[in-house]
């Protein structure tokens, strides 16, 4: 398994892989339905990144998230990714404009 952020910011990857949540877990903790939705749709909301990218929080950067989402679009198609994101957005009461596909891709 290879880090999905290989080459990002020219950081050397480690061999130890971790599952990275594309939506910050602290944002999901207050919403158990949203957390369950993300875990049930791991194909979209979890990415395999090395401990160097994940532990340093580089994977949380806007540009890194955009790269990870682009990879999901390439693998699964724009429509499926959009539907998955919209399903998550429907579970929040507050504004979720930052979870729209266009916003995530814009970085």
Protein backbone atom coordinates (compact mmCIF):
# COMPACT_ATOMS: atom_id res chain seq x y z
CA UNK A 1 0.00 0.00 0.00
CA UNK A 2 1.34 3.41 -0.93
CA UNK A 3 0.72 6.76 0.74
CA UNK A 4 -1.92 8.70 -1.19
CA UNK A 5 0.13 11.85 -0.60
CA UNK A 6 3.41 10.49 -1.98
CA UNK A 7 5.46 13.43 -3.23
CA UNK A 8 3.21 16.04 -1.62
CA UNK A 9 5.35 18.95 -0.42
CA UNK A 10 8.36 16.81 -1.29
CA UNK A 11 8.08 15.14 2.12
CA UNK A 12 9.54 11.68 2.37
CA UNK A 13 6.92 9.07 3.25
CA UNK A 14 7.30 6.58 6.04
CA UNK A 15 6.38 2.92 5.68
CA UNK A 16 3.81 3.05 8.47
CA UNK A 17 0.38 3.70 6.99
CA UNK A 18 -2.60 5.28 8.76
CA UNK A 19 -6.24 5.90 7.86
CA UNK A 20 -6.83 9.63 7.45
CA UNK A 21 -10.31 11.15 7.82
CA UNK A 22 -10.98 13.68 5.06
CA UNK A 23 -13.46 15.42 7.36
CA UNK A 24 -11.80 16.23 10.66
CA UNK A 25 -12.94 13.84 13.38
CA UNK A 26 -13.40 16.69 15.86
CA UNK A 27 -16.05 18.11 13.52
CA UNK A 28 -17.81 14.74 13.45
CA UNK A 29 -17.72 14.00 17.20
CA UNK A 30 -20.72 16.22 17.93
CA UNK A 31 -22.71 14.50 15.20
CA UNK A 32 -22.84 10.71 15.66
CA UNK A 33 -24.91 10.27 12.49
CA UNK A 34 -22.27 12.07 10.41
CA UNK A 35 -19.47 10.04 11.99
CA UNK A 36 -21.33 6.79 11.28
CA UNK A 37 -21.98 7.95 7.69
CA UNK A 38 -18.27 8.64 7.13
CA UNK A 39 -17.27 5.28 8.54
CA UNK A 40 -19.91 3.48 6.45
CA UNK A 41 -18.61 5.30 3.36
CA UNK A 42 -14.92 4.78 4.02
CA UNK A 43 -14.27 4.56 0.25
CA UNK A 44 -14.81 8.33 0.18
CA UNK A 45 -14.05 9.69 3.63
CA UNK A 46 -10.92 7.70 4.57
CA UNK A 47 -7.58 7.78 2.79
CA UNK A 48 -4.39 5.79 3.31
CA UNK A 49 -1.55 8.14 4.17
CA UNK A 50 1.78 7.56 5.86
CA UNK A 51 2.41 8.56 9.45
CA UNK A 52 4.67 11.41 8.28
CA UNK A 53 1.84 13.10 6.36
CA UNK A 54 -0.86 12.24 8.91
CA UNK A 55 1.03 12.80 12.16
CA UNK A 56 2.38 16.18 11.07
CA UNK A 57 -1.17 17.21 10.08
CA UNK A 58 0.01 17.91 6.53
CA UNK A 59 -2.83 15.68 5.34
CA UNK A 60 -5.25 18.20 6.91
CA UNK A 61 -4.02 21.07 4.77
CA UNK A 62 -6.44 22.39 2.20
CA UNK A 63 -4.18 21.52 -0.75
CA UNK A 64 -3.64 17.98 0.56
CA UNK A 65 -7.38 17.46 0.99
CA UNK A 66 -7.98 18.72 -2.56
CA UNK A 67 -5.43 16.22 -3.87
CA UNK A 68 -7.08 13.36 -1.94
CA UNK A 69 -10.55 14.34 -3.22
CA UNK A 70 -9.25 14.55 -6.82
CA UNK A 71 -7.97 11.00 -6.43
CA UNK A 72 -11.42 9.88 -5.23
CA UNK A 73 -13.02 11.54 -8.28
CA UNK A 74 -10.56 9.75 -10.58
CA UNK A 75 -11.32 6.39 -8.93
CA UNK A 76 -15.09 6.60 -8.44
CA UNK A 77 -16.32 9.38 -10.72
CA UNK A 78 -17.47 12.90 -10.01
CA UNK A 79 -21.15 12.05 -9.59
CA UNK A 80 -20.60 9.32 -7.01
CA UNK A 81 -18.23 11.51 -4.98
CA UNK A 82 -20.67 14.44 -5.17
CA UNK A 83 -23.55 12.23 -3.99
CA UNK A 84 -21.46 10.97 -1.08
CA UNK A 85 -20.56 14.48 -0.01
CA UNK A 86 -24.14 15.70 -0.33
CA UNK A 87 -25.28 12.78 1.83
CA UNK A 88 -22.91 13.92 4.55
CA UNK A 89 -23.90 17.57 4.21
CA UNK A 90 -27.55 16.63 4.77
CA UNK A 91 -26.65 15.36 8.26
CA UNK A 92 -25.46 18.76 9.50
CA UNK A 93 -27.63 21.61 10.73
CA UNK A 94 -24.90 24.22 10.34
CA UNK A 95 -23.41 25.52 7.11
CA UNK A 96 -21.44 22.94 5.18
CA UNK A 97 -20.45 24.91 2.09
CA UNK A 98 -16.86 23.79 2.67
CA UNK A 99 -17.97 20.17 2.08
CA UNK A 100 -19.23 20.82 -1.44
CA UNK A 101 -17.17 19.05 -4.10
CA UNK A 102 -16.25 22.33 -5.81
CA UNK A 103 -15.02 23.85 -2.55
CA UNK A 104 -12.92 20.81 -1.70
CA UNK A 105 -11.38 20.65 -5.17
CA UNK A 106 -10.59 24.38 -5.14
CA UNK A 107 -8.40 23.89 -2.08
